[in-house]
C-alpha atoms as a PDB file:
ATOM      1  CA  MET A   1      18.651 -16.720   1.583  1.00  0.00           C
ATOM      2  CA  LYS A   2      22.394 -16.172   1.751  1.00  0.00           C
ATOM      3  CA  PRO A   3      23.568 -13.064  -0.156  1.00  0.00           C
ATOM      4  CA  ILE A   4      25.578 -13.658  -3.317  1.00  0.00           C
ATOM      5  CA  LEU A   5      28.466 -11.274  -2.886  1.00  0.00           C
ATOM      6  CA  GLU A   6      30.776 -12.640  -5.550  1.00  0.00           C
ATOM      7  CA  LEU A   7      30.646 -14.847  -8.627  1.00  0.00           C
ATOM      8  CA  GLU A   8      33.378 -16.029 -10.922  1.00  0.00           C
ATOM      9  CA  SER A   9      33.575 -16.975 -14.585  1.00  0.00           C
ATOM     10  CA  ALA A  10      36.525 -18.085 -16.686  1.00  0.00           C
ATOM     11  CA  ARG A  11      37.846 -14.550 -17.215  1.00  0.00           C
ATOM     12  CA  LEU A  12      35.875 -12.367 -14.811  1.00  0.00           C
ATOM     13  CA  ILE A  13      35.121 -11.742 -11.172  1.00  0.00           C
ATOM     14  CA  LEU A  14      31.635 -10.408 -10.461  1.00  0.00           C
ATOM     15  CA  ARG A  15      32.073  -8.710  -7.105  1.00  0.00           C
ATOM     16  CA  GLN A  16      30.802  -6.123  -4.684  1.00  0.00           C
ATOM     17  CA  TRP A  17      31.429  -2.481  -5.475  1.00  0.00           C
ATOM     18  CA  ARG A  18      34.435  -0.673  -4.036  1.00  0.00           C
ATOM     19  CA  ASP A  19      34.697   3.072  -3.490  1.00  0.00           C
ATOM     20  CA  GLU A  20      37.616   3.205  -5.922  1.00  0.00           C
ATOM     21  CA  ASP A  21      35.351   1.908  -8.737  1.00  0.00           C
ATOM     22  CA  LEU A  22      33.659   5.310  -8.924  1.00  0.00           C
ATOM     23  CA  THR A  23      36.283   6.995 -11.113  1.00  0.00           C
ATOM     24  CA  GLU A  24      36.147   4.347 -13.853  1.00  0.00           C
ATOM     25  CA  PHE A  25      32.384   3.945 -13.506  1.00  0.00           C
ATOM     26  CA  ALA A  26      31.776   7.682 -13.815  1.00  0.00           C
ATOM     27  CA  ALA A  27      33.947   7.764 -16.952  1.00  0.00           C
ATOM     28  CA  LEU A  28      31.966   4.851 -18.392  1.00  0.00           C
ATOM     29  CA  CYS A  29      28.618   6.572 -17.640  1.00  0.00           C
ATOM     30  CA  ALA A  30      29.860   9.805 -19.235  1.00  0.00           C
ATOM     31  CA  ASP A  31      30.920   8.046 -22.451  1.00  0.00           C
ATOM     32  CA  GLU A  32      28.563   8.898 -25.320  1.00  0.00           C
ATOM     33  CA  GLN A  33      29.243   5.591 -27.056  1.00  0.00           C
ATOM     34  CA  VAL A  34      28.429   3.514 -23.944  1.00  0.00           C
ATOM     35  CA  MET A  35      25.332   5.563 -23.126  1.00  0.00           C
ATOM     36  CA  ARG A  36      23.911   5.967 -26.640  1.00  0.00           C
ATOM     37  CA  TYR A  37      20.837   3.830 -25.803  1.00  0.00           C
ATOM     38  CA  PHE A  38      20.174   5.648 -22.520  1.00  0.00           C
ATOM     39  CA  PRO A  39      18.328   8.960 -22.272  1.00  0.00           C
ATOM     40  CA  ALA A  40      21.294  10.908 -20.858  1.00  0.00           C
ATOM     41  CA  LEU A  41      24.904  10.754 -19.776  1.00  0.00           C
ATOM     42  CA  LEU A  42      25.468  10.588 -16.024  1.00  0.00           C
ATOM     43  CA  THR A  43      27.539  13.020 -13.997  1.00  0.00           C
ATOM     44  CA  ARG A  44      30.021  11.752 -11.422  1.00  0.00           C
ATOM     45  CA  LEU A  45      27.453  12.500  -8.702  1.00  0.00           C
ATOM     46  CA  GLU A  46      24.720  10.600 -10.586  1.00  0.00           C
ATOM     47  CA  SER A  47      27.107   7.673 -11.095  1.00  0.00           C
ATOM     48  CA  ALA A  48      27.862   7.644  -7.359  1.00  0.00           C
ATOM     49  CA  ALA A  49      24.125   7.702  -6.612  1.00  0.00           C
ATOM     50  CA  LEU A  50      23.622   4.727  -8.952  1.00  0.00           C
ATOM     51  CA  ILE A  51      26.303   2.776  -7.083  1.00  0.00           C
ATOM     52  CA  GLY A  52      24.454   3.654  -3.881  1.00  0.00           C
ATOM     53  CA  ARG A  53      21.185   2.278  -5.277  1.00  0.00           C
ATOM     54  CA  ILE A  54      22.985  -0.883  -6.423  1.00  0.00           C
ATOM     55  CA  ARG A  55      24.424  -1.370  -2.937  1.00  0.00           C
ATOM     56  CA  GLY A  56      20.954  -0.813  -1.475  1.00  0.00           C
ATOM     57  CA  HIS A  57      19.533  -3.528  -3.743  1.00  0.00           C
ATOM     58  CA  PHE A  58      22.219  -5.948  -2.508  1.00  0.00           C
ATOM     59  CA  ASN A  59      21.372  -5.083   1.090  1.00  0.00           C
ATOM     60  CA  GLU A  60      17.666  -5.627   0.518  1.00  0.00           C
ATOM     61  CA  TYR A  61      17.679  -8.680  -1.759  1.00  0.00           C
ATOM     62  CA  GLY A  62      21.100 -10.324  -1.450  1.00  0.00           C
ATOM     63  CA  PHE A  63      21.917  -9.900  -5.136  1.00  0.00           C
ATOM     64  CA  GLY A  64      22.218  -7.109  -7.660  1.00  0.00           C
ATOM     65  CA  LEU A  65      24.443  -5.612 -10.325  1.00  0.00           C
ATOM     66  CA  TRP A  66      27.941  -6.917  -9.653  1.00  0.00           C
ATOM     67  CA  ALA A  67      31.009  -4.878 -10.500  1.00  0.00           C
ATOM     68  CA  LEU A  68      33.017  -6.638 -13.214  1.00  0.00           C
ATOM     69  CA  GLU A  69      36.723  -7.165 -12.852  1.00  0.00           C
ATOM     70  CA  ARG A  70      39.002  -8.804 -15.396  1.00  0.00           C
ATOM     71  CA  LYS A  71      41.042 -11.616 -13.851  1.00  0.00           C
ATOM     72  CA  ASP A  72      44.022 -11.033 -16.141  1.00  0.00           C
ATOM     73  CA  THR A  73      44.482  -7.316 -15.417  1.00  0.00           C
ATOM     74  CA  GLY A  74      42.355  -6.624 -12.325  1.00  0.00           C
ATOM     75  CA  ALA A  75      40.677  -3.817 -14.293  1.00  0.00           C
ATOM     76  CA  PHE A  76      37.155  -2.680 -13.437  1.00  0.00           C
ATOM     77  CA  ILE A  77      35.221  -2.883 -16.716  1.00  0.00           C
ATOM     78  CA  GLY A  78      31.570  -2.215 -15.812  1.00  0.00           C
ATOM     79  CA  PHE A  79      28.702  -4.177 -14.316  1.00  0.00           C
ATOM     80  CA  THR A  80      26.460  -7.136 -14.987  1.00  0.00           C
ATOM     81  CA  GLY A  81      23.803  -8.635 -12.813  1.00  0.00           C
ATOM     82  CA  LEU A  82      20.250  -8.939 -11.641  1.00  0.00           C
ATOM     83  CA  GLY A  83      17.765  -6.449 -10.288  1.00  0.00           C
ATOM     84  CA  HIS A  84      14.101  -6.070  -9.552  1.00  0.00           C
ATOM     85  CA  VAL A  85      12.408  -3.994 -12.244  1.00  0.00           C
ATOM     86  CA  SER A  86      11.711  -0.640 -10.622  1.00  0.00           C
ATOM     87  CA  PHE A  87       8.722   0.473 -12.691  1.00  0.00           C
ATOM     88  CA  GLU A  88       5.304  -0.919 -13.522  1.00  0.00           C
ATOM     89  CA  ALA A  89       4.809  -2.712 -16.824  1.00  0.00           C
ATOM     90  CA  PRO A  90       2.654  -5.630 -17.996  1.00  0.00           C
ATOM     91  CA  PHE A  91       5.533  -8.066 -17.247  1.00  0.00           C
ATOM     92  CA  THR A  92       6.241  -6.837 -13.705  1.00  0.00           C
ATOM     93  CA  PRO A  93       6.965  -7.771 -11.000  1.00  0.00           C
ATOM     94  CA  ALA A  94      10.100  -9.288 -12.502  1.00  0.00           C
ATOM     95  CA  VAL A  95      13.838  -9.630 -12.086  1.00  0.00           C
ATOM     96  CA  GLU A  96      15.881  -8.331 -14.990  1.00  0.00           C
ATOM     97  CA  ILE A  97      19.406  -9.005 -16.121  1.00  0.00           C
ATOM     98  CA  GLY A  98      21.460  -6.075 -17.316  1.00  0.00           C
ATOM     99  CA  TRP A  99      24.981  -4.995 -18.191  1.00  0.00           C
ATOM    100  CA  ARG A 100      27.056  -1.925 -18.983  1.00  0.00           C
ATOM    101  CA  LEU A 101      30.689  -2.247 -20.027  1.00  0.00           C
ATOM    102  CA  ALA A 102      33.360   0.272 -20.947  1.00  0.00           C
ATOM    103  CA  SER A 103      33.645   0.392 -24.731  1.00  0.00           C
ATOM    104  CA  ARG A 104      37.305  -0.692 -24.781  1.00  0.00           C
ATOM    105  CA  HIS A 105      36.127  -4.061 -23.441  1.00  0.00           C
ATOM    106  CA  TRP A 106      33.423  -4.610 -26.077  1.00  0.00           C
ATOM    107  CA  GLY A 107      33.651  -7.376 -28.644  1.00  0.00           C
ATOM    108  CA  LEU A 108      35.524  -9.754 -26.352  1.00  0.00           C
ATOM    109  CA  GLY A 109      32.530 -11.739 -25.095  1.00  0.00           C
ATOM    110  CA  PHE A 110      32.696 -10.299 -21.564  1.00  0.00           C
ATOM    111  CA  ALA A 111      29.048  -9.160 -21.498  1.00  0.00           C
ATOM    112  CA  SER A 112      27.762 -12.597 -22.507  1.00  0.00           C
ATOM    113  CA  GLU A 113      30.153 -14.400 -20.146  1.00  0.00           C
ATOM    114  CA  ALA A 114      29.130 -12.260 -17.180  1.00  0.00           C
ATOM    115  CA  ALA A 115      25.435 -12.424 -18.106  1.00  0.00           C
ATOM    116  CA  TRP A 116      25.602 -16.216 -18.365  1.00  0.00           C
ATOM    117  CA  THR A 117      27.236 -16.334 -14.922  1.00  0.00           C
ATOM    118  CA  SER A 118      24.460 -14.114 -13.548  1.00  0.00           C
ATOM    119  CA  LEU A 119      21.770 -16.348 -15.055  1.00  0.00           C
ATOM    120  CA  ARG A 120      23.382 -19.386 -13.457  1.00  0.00           C
ATOM    121  CA  ALA A 121      23.141 -17.627 -10.084  1.00  0.00           C
ATOM    122  CA  ALA A 122      19.540 -16.593 -10.779  1.00  0.00           C
ATOM    123  CA  PHE A 123      18.362 -20.131 -11.429  1.00  0.00           C
ATOM    124  CA  SER A 124      20.707 -22.352  -9.415  1.00  0.00           C
ATOM    125  CA  GLN A 125      21.347 -20.199  -6.325  1.00  0.00           C
ATOM    126  CA  LEU A 126      18.397 -17.802  -6.098  1.00  0.00           C
ATOM    127  CA  GLY A 127      15.788 -20.254  -7.370  1.00  0.00           C
ATOM    128  CA  LEU A 128      14.137 -17.713  -9.664  1.00  0.00           C
ATOM    129  CA  ASP A 129      11.537 -19.002 -12.123  1.00  0.00           C
ATOM    130  CA  GLU A 130      12.195 -16.408 -14.837  1.00  0.00           C
ATOM    131  CA  VAL A 131      14.524 -13.545 -15.754  1.00  0.00           C
ATOM    132  CA  VAL A 132      13.699 -10.790 -18.225  1.00  0.00           C
ATOM    133  CA  SER A 133      15.780  -8.281 -20.110  1.00  0.00           C
ATOM    134  CA  PHE A 134      14.784  -5.285 -22.160  1.00  0.00           C
ATOM    135  CA  THR A 135      16.385  -2.550 -24.166  1.00  0.00           C
ATOM    136  CA  ALA A 136      15.595   0.218 -26.610  1.00  0.00           C
ATOM    137  CA  GLN A 137      14.402  -1.219 -29.905  1.00  0.00           C
ATOM    138  CA  ALA A 138      17.473   0.123 -31.738  1.00  0.00           C
ATOM    139  CA  ASN A 139      20.026  -1.463 -29.367  1.00  0.00           C
ATOM    140  CA  GLU A 140      21.244  -4.351 -31.516  1.00  0.00           C
ATOM    141  CA  PRO A 141      24.378  -5.105 -29.412  1.00  0.00           C
ATOM    142  CA  SER A 142      22.309  -5.756 -26.263  1.00  0.00           C
ATOM    143  CA  LYS A 143      19.792  -7.837 -28.195  1.00  0.00           C
ATOM    144  CA  LYS A 144      22.695  -9.983 -29.441  1.00  0.00           C
ATOM    145  CA  VAL A 145      23.846 -10.568 -25.857  1.00  0.00           C
ATOM    146  CA  MET A 146      20.289 -11.545 -24.857  1.00  0.00           C
ATOM    147  CA  GLN A 147      20.150 -14.046 -27.708  1.00  0.00           C
ATOM    148  CA  ALA A 148      23.656 -15.367 -26.968  1.00  0.00           C
ATOM    149  CA  ILE A 149      22.636 -16.291 -23.407  1.00  0.00           C
ATOM    150  CA  GLY A 150      19.516 -18.140 -24.573  1.00  0.00           C
ATOM    151  CA  MET A 151      16.866 -15.501 -23.945  1.00  0.00           C
ATOM    152  CA  GLN A 152      13.806 -15.511 -26.202  1.00  0.00           C
ATOM    153  CA  ARG A 153      12.166 -12.417 -27.660  1.00  0.00           C
ATOM    154  CA  ASP A 154       8.627 -11.821 -26.419  1.00  0.00           C
ATOM    155  CA  PRO A 155       7.180  -9.511 -29.098  1.00  0.00           C
ATOM    156  CA  PHE A 156       3.862  -9.345 -27.229  1.00  0.00           C
ATOM    157  CA  GLY A 157       5.761  -7.946 -24.249  1.00  0.00           C
ATOM    158  CA  ASP A 158       7.357  -5.026 -26.102  1.00  0.00           C
ATOM    159  CA  PHE A 159       6.471  -1.771 -24.379  1.00  0.00           C
ATOM    160  CA  ASP A 160       6.918   1.971 -24.215  1.00  0.00           C
ATOM    161  CA  HIS A 161       9.259   2.716 -21.320  1.00  0.00           C
ATOM    162  CA  PRO A 162       7.202   4.578 -18.703  1.00  0.00           C
ATOM    163  CA  ARG A 163      10.160   6.729 -17.614  1.00  0.00           C
ATOM    164  CA  LEU A 164      10.619   8.246 -21.072  1.00  0.00           C
ATOM    165  CA  PRO A 165       8.387  10.948 -22.510  1.00  0.00           C
ATOM    166  CA  PRO A 166       5.978   9.975 -25.295  1.00  0.00           C
ATOM    167  CA  GLY A 167       7.679  10.231 -28.652  1.00  0.00           C
ATOM    168  CA  HIS A 168      11.230   9.944 -27.247  1.00  0.00           C
ATOM    169  CA  GLU A 169      13.474   8.147 -29.744  1.00  0.00           C
ATOM    170  CA  LEU A 170      14.314   5.452 -27.145  1.00  0.00           C
ATOM    171  CA  GLU A 171      10.763   5.060 -25.799  1.00  0.00           C
ATOM    172  CA  ARG A 172       9.949   1.740 -27.538  1.00  0.00           C
ATOM    173  CA  HIS A 173      11.582  -1.239 -25.802  1.00  0.00           C
ATOM    174  CA  VAL A 174      11.818  -4.901 -26.723  1.00  0.00           C
ATOM    175  CA  LEU A 175      11.395  -7.629 -24.105  1.00  0.00           C
ATOM    176  CA  TYR A 176      13.324 -10.883 -23.813  1.00  0.00           C
ATOM    177  CA  ARG A 177      12.697 -13.701 -21.335  1.00  0.00           C
ATOM    178  CA  ILE A 178      14.233 -16.941 -20.142  1.00  0.00           C
ATOM    179  CA  ASN A 179      12.796 -19.344 -17.591  1.00  0.00           C
ATOM    180  CA  ARG A 180      14.560 -21.999 -15.544  1.00  0.00           C
ATOM    181  CA  ASP A 181      13.598 -24.854 -17.931  1.00  0.00           C
ATOM    182  CA  GLN A 182      14.818 -22.939 -20.982  1.00  0.00           C
ATOM    183  CA  TRP A 183      18.070 -22.168 -19.173  1.00  0.00           C
ATOM    184  CA  ARG A 184      18.541 -25.861 -18.324  1.00  0.00           C
ATOM    185  CA  GLN A 185      17.991 -26.735 -21.979  1.00  0.00           C
ATOM    186  CA  THR A 186      20.798 -24.365 -22.969  1.00  0.00           C
ATOM    187  CA  LEU A 187      23.102 -26.318 -20.639  1.00  0.00           C
ATOM    188  CA  HIS A 188      22.369 -29.580 -22.395  1.00  0.00           C
ATOM    189  CA  GLY A 189      21.465 -28.346 -25.866  1.00  0.00           C
END
């Protein structure tokens, strides 16, 4: 399979990570508003390590979490993409779709646009059968993105995140899914 190094949507470029992305990415990962549904803020070093893991995923699988760049300004605004779920759960093994955008770029449809572009790659280029997404139960903005891109809630798949301690306020997660046929229906529906 040929690696997918770059994708494009109407307003965004989904591209490989550059070393100069670290400053903006570290600021994004240290923003309390952006990280409110994650267990902790990330330091600059932790943000750099995350970029390293993302690059490793690309090297191993040929796809991953693409850096997002606005076409109009060239600004780095976060990431969106696909990754193998890295923990055991009833729905794994699976490929998930995820996103994280700087708050000043929220409300403009960028997350949905980039996620839709990633789904297109998942089904038309990678030949995946299904993509999942999950988030903390309280994360309404991410659930709205999942719904906007045609994903369906799987209430029987909801789970307690195994990397969070029992009783943690973010422990309970909701699961969404979309398969290739459902995605095709969204194209023609």
